[in-house]
Amino acid sequence: MIMDLEGVGGEFDLIDHILRNGKDGLGGGGTGEDGSGVVVGTGDDAAVMELGSDRYILATTDMMVEGDHFNLDWYSPHQVGRKAVESNVSDIVAMGGWPTYMLVSVCLKPDMDPDVLKGVYRGLYDGCDTHGVALVGGDTTHGPITVINVALLGEVEKNRLCLRKGARPGDLIFVSGPTGGSAAGLDILRSGKDGPVEDHLNPRCNPDAGREASRFVRAMIDVSDGIASEVRHLANQAKLGARVYKDRIPLDNSAVLAGGVLGKDPARYALSGGEDYELVAAVSPDDRERAVDLGWVEIGQFTNKAGEYFLVDDEGETPLPGGYDHFKN
């Protein structure tokens, strides 16, 4: 039976469908959380496995598809490789950990210029050098479009592990830095107008913010699909609601400039764009000053009204928009 991907409800509904039906449709998600050393399987930024008495192994993977995640008319090959590293390192950072070993598999078009592939790998190695990662292997094959898949391992101390599910009613919603720049850059590139595109072509994650915040935050996630999507994830995991205050969202200057050029609300880039690779976290009111001292910005609060998500501005409350979804956007 062929699944209608457009009718399944979106990316996260598809993931839920796969996990709920399990192997051969017989039920069971197969997360491995059965005493085999798997602490967290699916449903977070990275899987978590036992490593010893004081640390866990973290494992994540991310795929980049030509025409969806990158366009070689805009990106240099080096930028493509570097972005592949940053998106995966950001997942490890969101768990409170640090990256260690990377595997890279690539699907190449038969007519690809070898210099393009060399440029991609220069970007991969550059990113690995920046984050202290060893690139230890991978695989190559060919196909109609270029696909780059990174599998990344990391580690985290057991007392610093950050999951998505720890938020409590009344916890504050914080974001680690300015957002919206990447989506704004993409919008400029698609429009063909002059404007800021650097944040889209050269995104960088925020490893220091994640490591420091892991000392006290209750839940954390990286901004890969937009602030609205990430807040919803944290709230859903804890069966909570959320209120986000629009005027508190820290906007990248590129988002503001692009909004002016294109006549769009720059807050929408932050809320629904993604690929900023900043972090969203749930913080106890008792730890508000600790987050502020790290430069994090308070943008809202979790509530005890499960499933109710609101964006608050001068005109009142409206439903919090969704984020980027591969099977909807």
Protein backbone atom coordinates (compact mmCIF):
# COMPACT_ATOMS: atom_id res chain seq x y z
CA MET A 1 0.00 0.00 0.00
CA ILE A 2 1.35 3.44 -0.96
CA MET A 3 1.04 6.22 1.62
CA ASP A 4 -0.22 9.62 0.48
CA LEU A 5 2.48 11.82 2.03
CA GLU A 6 0.56 15.02 1.38
CA GLY A 7 -2.52 13.62 3.11
CA VAL A 8 -0.79 12.17 6.15
CA GLY A 9 -0.94 15.49 8.02
CA GLY A 10 2.62 16.75 7.84
CA GLU A 11 6.17 15.78 8.73
CA PHE A 12 5.63 15.11 12.42
CA ASP A 13 2.38 13.22 11.85
CA LEU A 14 4.29 11.03 9.40
CA ILE A 15 7.00 10.33 11.99
CA ASP A 16 4.33 9.52 14.57
CA HIS A 17 2.62 7.17 12.09
CA ILE A 18 5.86 5.29 11.40
CA LEU A 19 6.71 4.92 15.08
CA ARG A 20 3.18 3.99 16.11
CA ASN A 21 2.89 1.23 13.49
CA GLY A 22 6.39 -0.12 13.97
CA LYS A 23 7.99 -2.97 12.06
CA ASP A 24 5.71 -4.55 9.43
CA GLY A 25 2.76 -2.57 10.81
CA LEU A 26 2.50 -4.86 13.84
CA GLY A 27 2.62 -2.06 16.38
CA GLY A 28 5.30 -0.79 18.71
CA GLY A 29 7.67 2.03 17.96
CA GLY A 30 10.85 0.04 18.37
CA THR A 31 12.61 2.81 20.28
CA GLY A 32 14.86 0.35 22.08
CA GLU A 33 14.01 1.72 25.53
CA ASP A 34 13.88 -1.80 26.94
CA GLY A 35 16.96 -2.15 29.11
CA SER A 36 19.33 -2.50 26.14
CA GLY A 37 21.19 0.68 27.02
CA VAL A 38 18.94 3.08 25.11
CA VAL A 39 17.80 5.88 27.40
CA VAL A 40 15.95 7.93 24.77
CA GLY A 41 15.15 6.65 21.30
CA THR A 42 13.02 8.71 18.96
CA GLY A 43 11.31 12.02 19.65
CA ASP A 44 14.15 14.29 20.73
CA ASP A 45 16.99 16.20 19.05
CA ALA A 46 19.23 13.14 19.48
CA ALA A 47 19.02 9.59 20.74
CA VAL A 48 20.61 8.89 24.13
CA MET A 49 22.50 5.70 25.07
CA GLU A 50 24.42 4.58 28.12
CA LEU A 51 28.18 5.14 28.02
CA GLY A 52 29.28 4.62 31.61
CA SER A 53 28.60 5.78 35.13
CA ASP A 54 28.75 9.50 34.37
CA ARG A 55 28.06 10.06 30.64
CA TYR A 56 25.68 9.25 27.80
CA ILE A 57 26.33 8.80 24.09
CA LEU A 58 24.27 11.10 21.85
CA ALA A 59 23.42 10.20 18.25
CA THR A 60 21.71 12.31 15.60
CA THR A 61 21.37 12.34 11.83
CA ASP A 62 20.25 14.95 9.32
CA MET A 63 19.79 14.86 5.57
CA MET A 64 20.23 17.70 3.08
CA VAL A 65 18.55 17.38 -0.34
CA GLU A 66 19.45 19.51 -3.33
CA GLY A 67 16.58 21.79 -4.28
CA ASP A 68 15.10 21.65 -0.78
CA HIS A 69 17.84 22.31 1.78
CA PHE A 70 20.30 23.92 -0.62
CA ASN A 71 20.52 25.28 -4.14
CA LEU A 72 23.90 25.34 -5.86
CA ASP A 73 22.82 28.43 -7.78
CA TRP A 74 23.05 30.25 -4.44
CA TYR A 75 25.33 28.17 -2.23
CA SER A 76 28.99 27.52 -2.79
CA PRO A 77 29.94 23.84 -2.33
CA HIS A 78 31.88 24.84 0.80
CA GLN A 79 28.76 26.44 2.29
CA VAL A 80 26.74 23.27 1.62
CA GLY A 81 29.24 21.12 3.51
CA ARG A 82 29.51 23.56 6.39
CA LYS A 83 25.74 23.80 6.76
CA ALA A 84 25.50 20.01 6.98
CA VAL A 85 27.85 20.10 9.96
CA GLU A 86 26.15 23.01 11.73
CA SER A 87 22.65 21.48 11.53
CA ASN A 88 23.83 18.26 13.18
CA VAL A 89 26.06 19.86 15.80
CA SER A 90 23.08 22.01 16.79
CA ASP A 91 21.10 18.86 17.68
CA ILE A 92 23.88 17.67 19.99
CA VAL A 93 24.13 21.13 21.54
CA ALA A 94 20.38 21.12 22.23
CA MET A 95 20.88 18.01 24.39
CA GLY A 96 23.48 19.81 26.51
CA GLY A 97 26.36 17.86 24.97
CA TRP A 98 29.37 18.17 22.70
CA PRO A 99 29.98 16.47 19.31
CA THR A 100 32.66 13.83 18.79
CA TYR A 101 32.52 11.63 15.64
CA MET A 102 30.86 12.09 12.26
CA LEU A 103 29.91 9.82 9.34
CA VAL A 104 28.95 11.35 5.99
CA SER A 105 27.07 9.61 3.16
CA VAL A 106 26.51 11.33 -0.18
CA CYS A 107 24.31 10.60 -3.18
CA LEU A 108 25.86 12.24 -6.25
CA LYS A 109 24.48 13.08 -9.67
CA PRO A 110 26.48 11.20 -12.34
CA ASP A 111 27.44 14.46 -14.05
CA MET A 112 28.62 16.25 -10.90
CA ASP A 113 31.82 18.24 -11.29
CA PRO A 114 34.46 16.65 -9.01
CA ASP A 115 35.46 20.14 -7.87
CA VAL A 116 31.97 20.60 -6.41
CA LEU A 117 32.38 17.46 -4.31
CA LYS A 118 35.81 18.62 -3.18
CA GLY A 119 34.29 21.93 -2.11
CA VAL A 120 31.55 20.19 -0.13
CA TYR A 121 34.13 18.13 1.75
CA ARG A 122 36.25 21.20 2.43
CA GLY A 123 33.17 22.67 4.10
CA LEU A 124 32.59 19.47 6.05
CA TYR A 125 36.15 19.37 7.31
CA ASP A 126 36.09 23.08 8.12
CA GLY A 127 33.00 22.61 10.27
CA CYS A 128 34.47 19.54 11.95
CA ASP A 129 37.64 21.46 12.79
CA THR A 130 35.60 24.30 14.30
CA HIS A 131 33.61 21.99 16.56
CA GLY A 132 36.32 19.46 17.41
CA VAL A 133 34.70 16.60 15.47
CA ALA A 134 36.50 13.69 13.78
CA LEU A 135 35.09 12.70 10.38
CA VAL A 136 35.57 8.93 10.52
CA GLY A 137 33.82 7.48 7.46
CA GLY A 138 30.69 7.27 5.34
CA ASP A 139 29.39 6.04 2.00
CA THR A 140 28.85 7.25 -1.58
CA THR A 141 26.31 6.35 -4.26
CA HIS A 142 24.67 8.02 -7.26
CA GLY A 143 21.19 9.25 -8.09
CA PRO A 144 19.17 11.95 -9.87
CA ILE A 145 19.82 14.64 -7.23
CA THR A 146 22.54 15.37 -4.72
CA VAL A 147 21.84 14.28 -1.14
CA ILE A 148 24.15 14.66 1.85
CA ASN A 149 23.44 12.71 5.02
CA VAL A 150 25.40 13.27 8.22
CA ALA A 151 25.33 10.97 11.24
CA LEU A 152 26.89 12.57 14.31
CA LEU A 153 27.81 11.18 17.70
CA GLY A 154 28.36 13.20 20.84
CA GLU A 155 28.57 12.89 24.60
CA VAL A 156 26.96 14.55 27.60
CA GLU A 157 27.33 14.25 31.35
CA LYS A 158 24.32 12.53 32.88
CA ASN A 159 23.56 15.49 35.11
CA ARG A 160 23.63 17.89 32.13
CA LEU A 161 21.36 15.98 29.72
CA CYS A 162 18.56 18.20 28.37
CA LEU A 163 15.43 16.63 26.89
CA ARG A 164 12.35 18.20 25.33
CA LYS A 165 9.90 16.90 27.92
CA GLY A 166 10.88 18.64 31.16
CA ALA A 167 8.86 21.88 31.03
CA ARG A 168 6.40 22.61 33.83
CA PRO A 169 3.41 24.98 34.08
CA GLY A 170 4.69 28.48 34.79
CA ASP A 171 8.14 27.87 33.33
CA LEU A 172 9.47 30.72 31.24
CA ILE A 173 10.25 30.37 27.53
CA PHE A 174 13.71 31.65 26.61
CA VAL A 175 15.56 31.84 23.28
CA SER A 176 19.35 31.97 23.11
CA GLY A 177 19.80 34.64 20.44
CA PRO A 178 18.45 36.56 17.42
CA THR A 179 16.28 34.56 15.02
CA GLY A 180 14.69 34.89 11.59
CA GLY A 181 17.85 35.69 9.65
CA SER A 182 18.08 32.41 7.74
CA ALA A 183 14.46 32.38 6.54
CA ALA A 184 14.74 36.05 5.64
CA GLY A 185 17.81 35.36 3.53
CA LEU A 186 16.02 32.56 1.70
CA ASP A 187 13.08 34.85 0.99
CA ILE A 188 15.44 37.46 -0.46
CA LEU A 189 17.16 34.88 -2.67
CA ARG A 190 13.83 33.60 -3.98
CA SER A 191 12.62 37.14 -4.69
CA GLY A 192 15.68 38.06 -6.76
CA LYS A 193 15.96 41.38 -4.90
CA ASP A 194 18.97 42.82 -3.15
CA GLY A 195 19.06 42.16 0.57
CA PRO A 196 20.80 40.29 3.41
CA VAL A 197 21.42 36.60 2.64
CA GLU A 198 24.47 35.78 4.78
CA ASP A 199 22.50 34.17 7.62
CA HIS A 200 20.91 31.72 5.21
CA LEU A 201 24.05 30.81 3.30
CA ASN A 202 26.32 30.59 6.35
CA PRO A 203 24.24 29.52 9.39
CA ARG A 204 26.10 28.87 12.62
CA CYS A 205 24.91 27.01 15.72
CA ASN A 206 25.46 28.22 19.29
CA PRO A 207 27.39 25.53 21.23
CA ASP A 208 28.40 27.73 24.16
CA ALA A 209 24.80 28.70 24.86
CA GLY A 210 23.71 25.09 25.04
CA ARG A 211 26.51 23.89 27.27
CA GLU A 212 26.09 26.71 29.78
CA ALA A 213 22.30 26.53 29.87
CA SER A 214 22.36 22.76 30.41
CA ARG A 215 23.30 23.52 34.03
CA PHE A 216 19.78 24.73 34.83
CA VAL A 217 17.19 24.58 31.99
CA ARG A 218 14.36 22.07 32.30
CA ALA A 219 13.91 21.39 28.57
CA MET A 220 15.67 22.51 25.40
CA ILE A 221 15.41 22.27 21.60
CA ASP A 222 17.20 23.87 18.67
CA VAL A 223 15.49 26.29 16.29
CA SER A 224 15.51 24.26 13.09
CA ASP A 225 11.86 24.77 12.08
CA GLY A 226 11.03 28.14 13.68
CA ILE A 227 10.37 29.34 17.22
CA ALA A 228 6.64 28.55 16.99
CA SER A 229 7.32 24.94 16.04
CA GLU A 230 9.92 24.45 18.76
CA VAL A 231 7.72 25.95 21.49
CA ARG A 232 4.94 23.60 20.41
CA HIS A 233 7.31 20.63 20.62
CA LEU A 234 8.35 21.47 24.18
CA ALA A 235 4.74 22.07 25.21
CA ASN A 236 3.48 18.86 23.57
CA GLN A 237 6.14 16.73 25.24
CA ALA A 238 5.06 18.05 28.65
CA LYS A 239 1.31 18.20 27.86
CA LEU A 240 1.24 21.96 28.35
CA GLY A 241 0.09 25.09 26.58
CA ALA A 242 2.13 28.19 25.78
CA ARG A 243 1.95 31.95 25.30
CA VAL A 244 4.59 33.70 23.18
CA TYR A 245 4.87 37.50 23.23
CA LYS A 246 5.57 38.75 19.74
CA ASP A 247 7.32 41.96 20.74
CA ARG A 248 9.82 40.06 22.90
CA ILE A 249 11.13 37.79 20.12
CA PRO A 250 14.77 38.75 19.39
CA LEU A 251 14.96 39.41 15.65
CA ASP A 252 18.11 39.20 13.59
CA ASN A 253 18.87 42.46 11.80
CA SER A 254 18.67 40.54 8.52
CA ALA A 255 15.05 39.63 9.26
CA VAL A 256 14.17 43.27 9.90
CA LEU A 257 15.93 44.43 6.74
CA ALA A 258 14.40 41.71 4.58
CA GLY A 259 10.96 42.48 5.97
CA GLY A 260 11.43 46.09 4.88
CA VAL A 261 12.59 45.10 1.39
CA LEU A 262 9.78 42.60 0.82
CA GLY A 263 7.01 44.27 2.81
CA LYS A 264 6.64 41.38 5.23
CA ASP A 265 6.41 41.04 9.01
CA PRO A 266 9.95 40.07 10.15
CA ALA A 267 8.57 38.24 13.19
CA ARG A 268 7.14 35.62 10.84
CA TYR A 269 10.64 34.68 9.74
CA ALA A 270 11.54 33.94 13.35
CA LEU A 271 8.31 32.16 14.18
CA SER A 272 7.94 29.93 11.14
CA GLY A 273 11.22 30.01 9.20
CA GLY A 274 13.83 27.92 10.95
CA GLU A 275 17.48 27.04 10.32
CA ASP A 276 18.63 29.70 12.78
CA TYR A 277 20.15 27.01 15.04
CA GLU A 278 19.64 29.06 18.17
CA LEU A 279 17.99 27.32 21.13
CA VAL A 280 14.60 27.48 22.87
CA ALA A 281 14.41 26.40 26.50
CA ALA A 282 12.05 26.06 29.45
CA VAL A 283 13.45 27.88 32.47
CA SER A 284 12.13 27.91 36.02
CA PRO A 285 11.21 31.42 37.23
CA ASP A 286 13.79 30.85 39.98
CA ASP A 287 16.49 30.64 37.28
CA ARG A 288 15.38 33.65 35.23
CA GLU A 289 18.44 35.70 36.15
CA ARG A 290 20.80 32.86 35.27
CA ALA A 291 19.35 32.77 31.75
CA VAL A 292 19.43 36.55 31.40
CA ASP A 293 23.05 36.66 32.54
CA LEU A 294 23.92 34.26 29.68
CA GLY A 295 22.31 36.63 27.19
CA TRP A 296 19.14 34.57 26.66
CA VAL A 297 15.87 36.44 25.98
CA GLU A 298 12.54 35.70 27.68
CA ILE A 299 9.71 35.45 25.13
CA GLY A 300 6.82 33.72 26.90
CA GLN A 301 5.55 31.18 29.38
CA PHE A 302 4.22 27.64 29.48
CA THR A 303 0.69 27.17 30.84
CA ASN A 304 -1.30 24.27 32.24
CA LYS A 305 -3.79 24.45 29.33
CA ALA A 306 -2.56 21.56 27.21
CA GLY A 307 -2.74 22.10 23.48
CA GLU A 308 -3.52 25.83 23.68
CA TYR A 309 -0.80 27.91 22.01
CA PHE A 310 -1.12 31.67 21.61
CA LEU A 311 0.85 34.53 20.10
CA VAL A 312 0.26 37.71 22.06
CA ASP A 313 0.66 41.22 20.61
CA ASP A 314 -0.91 44.66 21.01
CA GLU A 315 -4.12 43.45 19.40
CA GLY A 316 -4.57 40.51 21.74
CA GLU A 317 -4.17 36.73 21.33
CA THR A 318 -4.10 34.76 18.10
CA PRO A 319 -3.22 31.08 17.55
CA LEU A 320 0.52 30.51 17.52
CA PRO A 321 1.45 29.73 13.89
CA GLY A 322 3.14 26.51 12.86
CA GLY A 323 6.76 26.14 11.79
CA TYR A 324 8.39 24.73 8.69
CA ASP A 325 7.10 21.29 7.64
CA HIS A 326 8.70 19.32 4.78
CA PHE A 327 5.37 17.84 3.70
CA LYS A 328 3.32 21.04 3.95
CA ASN A 329 5.58 24.02 3.08
